[in-house]
Amino acid sequence: MNRKFGRSLLYLLLVFVVLIGCASTEPLPDNARPEEFKKEDFRVSEFVIGVGDTVEFAVYRQDGLTKSVKINSSGKVMFPLIGDVQVAGKSAFKLRDELKERFSVYLVNPQVTVTVTAISSKKF
């Protein structure tokens, strides 16, 4: 039994070494990447939310404040406690900071997450 275990462990180690040897640490060449994801062309921090985009809002431990919304033509989203918030025309990071500030009037240190889950306002 002990000999079989040792042999199995040796085979597993051999497979692991072979797989590690096949891995590449070289980055993909620019021509192998889709155009919209080239580092110099696409920066998440600069993406501006627009009408038609779907955005998920979450406030940690506040299930009533978590929602996923397709941004309508007004560009605004209504939240409990703080009312309408202009969403279109802002980055997710700027919007997160604004929501955190506005919710902090009612909540202690709110942890806000803003995630763009679908992009319809921009064509790549």
Protein backbone atom coordinates (compact mmCIF):
# COMPACT_ATOMS: atom_id res chain seq x y z
CA MET A 1 0.00 0.00 0.00
CA ASN A 2 2.77 2.43 0.94
CA ARG A 3 4.64 1.65 -2.29
CA LYS A 4 1.52 2.35 -4.40
CA PHE A 5 1.02 5.65 -2.62
CA GLY A 6 4.63 6.64 -3.28
CA ARG A 7 4.35 5.72 -6.95
CA SER A 8 1.07 7.66 -7.30
CA LEU A 9 2.64 10.66 -5.63
CA LEU A 10 5.62 10.44 -7.99
CA TYR A 11 3.33 10.33 -11.05
CA LEU A 12 1.33 13.27 -9.75
CA LEU A 13 4.52 15.25 -9.17
CA LEU A 14 5.73 14.39 -12.68
CA VAL A 15 2.45 15.57 -14.23
CA PHE A 16 2.63 18.77 -12.19
CA VAL A 17 6.21 19.48 -13.35
CA VAL A 18 5.25 18.87 -16.99
CA LEU A 19 2.26 21.21 -16.72
CA ILE A 20 4.34 23.92 -15.08
CA GLY A 21 6.90 23.57 -17.86
CA CYS A 22 4.16 24.18 -20.44
CA ALA A 23 3.03 27.42 -18.83
CA SER A 24 4.24 30.64 -20.37
CA THR A 25 5.00 33.81 -18.48
CA GLU A 26 5.43 35.83 -21.65
CA PRO A 27 2.66 38.36 -22.29
CA LEU A 28 0.58 37.94 -25.41
CA PRO A 29 1.79 39.98 -28.37
CA ASP A 30 -0.40 43.01 -29.16
CA ASN A 31 -1.73 41.41 -32.32
CA ALA A 32 -3.07 38.45 -30.28
CA ARG A 33 -5.25 40.64 -28.05
CA PRO A 34 -8.68 41.88 -29.01
CA GLU A 35 -8.47 45.56 -29.91
CA GLU A 36 -10.80 46.76 -27.16
CA PHE A 37 -8.63 45.26 -24.44
CA LYS A 38 -5.28 46.68 -25.42
CA LYS A 39 -3.80 48.35 -22.39
CA GLU A 40 -3.29 51.71 -24.04
CA ASP A 41 -6.81 51.83 -25.49
CA PHE A 42 -9.04 50.56 -22.69
CA ARG A 43 -8.85 51.87 -19.17
CA VAL A 44 -11.59 50.80 -16.79
CA SER A 45 -11.02 53.82 -14.58
CA GLU A 46 -11.79 56.13 -17.51
CA PHE A 47 -14.95 54.36 -18.68
CA VAL A 48 -17.96 56.65 -18.38
CA ILE A 49 -21.32 55.05 -17.66
CA GLY A 50 -23.97 55.89 -20.23
CA VAL A 51 -27.64 55.40 -21.05
CA GLY A 52 -28.33 51.73 -21.79
CA ASP A 53 -25.50 50.36 -19.65
CA THR A 54 -26.37 47.93 -16.87
CA VAL A 55 -24.84 48.73 -13.50
CA GLU A 56 -24.89 46.76 -10.27
CA PHE A 57 -24.83 48.68 -7.00
CA ALA A 58 -24.07 46.98 -3.70
CA VAL A 59 -23.69 48.26 -0.17
CA TYR A 60 -22.07 45.72 2.14
CA ARG A 61 -24.54 44.26 4.66
CA GLN A 62 -27.37 46.39 3.28
CA ASP A 63 -29.37 44.04 1.04
CA GLY A 64 -32.10 46.64 0.54
CA LEU A 65 -29.58 48.92 -1.16
CA THR A 66 -28.27 46.31 -3.59
CA LYS A 67 -29.68 46.52 -7.10
CA SER A 68 -28.90 45.98 -10.75
CA VAL A 69 -30.22 48.67 -13.06
CA LYS A 70 -30.23 49.36 -16.79
CA ILE A 71 -29.61 53.10 -17.02
CA ASN A 72 -32.62 54.80 -18.60
CA SER A 73 -32.75 57.97 -20.68
CA SER A 74 -32.77 60.22 -17.60
CA GLY A 75 -29.40 58.79 -16.56
CA LYS A 76 -30.57 58.69 -12.95
CA VAL A 77 -31.09 55.90 -10.44
CA MET A 78 -33.29 56.18 -7.36
CA PHE A 79 -31.92 54.84 -4.07
CA PRO A 80 -33.64 54.46 -0.72
CA LEU A 81 -32.41 57.04 1.81
CA ILE A 82 -30.61 59.30 -0.69
CA GLY A 83 -33.07 59.64 -3.59
CA ASP A 84 -32.13 60.17 -7.24
CA VAL A 85 -28.49 59.97 -8.22
CA GLN A 86 -27.14 61.05 -11.61
CA VAL A 87 -25.29 57.98 -12.88
CA ALA A 88 -24.78 58.59 -16.61
CA GLY A 89 -21.69 60.64 -17.35
CA LYS A 90 -19.66 59.38 -14.38
CA SER A 91 -17.04 56.68 -13.97
CA ALA A 92 -17.78 53.75 -11.67
CA PHE A 93 -15.06 54.95 -9.29
CA LYS A 94 -16.40 58.51 -9.09
CA LEU A 95 -19.93 57.19 -8.63
CA ARG A 96 -18.79 54.81 -5.88
CA ASP A 97 -17.17 57.68 -3.99
CA GLU A 98 -20.28 59.85 -4.36
CA LEU A 99 -22.60 57.07 -3.15
CA LYS A 100 -20.33 56.33 -0.21
CA GLU A 101 -20.39 59.99 0.80
CA ARG A 102 -24.17 60.29 0.45
CA PHE A 103 -24.91 57.01 2.28
CA SER A 104 -22.51 57.94 5.10
CA VAL A 105 -25.13 60.43 6.33
CA TYR A 106 -27.30 57.41 7.22
CA LEU A 107 -24.82 54.52 7.56
CA VAL A 108 -21.54 54.14 9.43
CA ASN A 109 -18.65 53.68 6.97
CA PRO A 110 -20.70 52.26 4.06
CA GLN A 111 -18.78 49.94 1.75
CA VAL A 112 -20.13 50.63 -1.73
CA THR A 113 -19.40 48.68 -4.90
CA VAL A 114 -20.34 49.87 -8.39
CA THR A 115 -19.92 47.33 -11.19
CA VAL A 116 -20.76 47.86 -14.85
CA THR A 117 -22.14 44.48 -15.90
CA ALA A 118 -23.19 45.29 -19.47
CA ILE A 119 -22.09 48.03 -21.83
CA SER A 120 -24.60 49.25 -24.39
CA SER A 121 -23.72 52.94 -24.57
CA LYS A 122 -20.37 52.45 -26.29
CA LYS A 123 -19.42 50.43 -29.34
CA PHE A 124 -15.94 48.92 -29.47
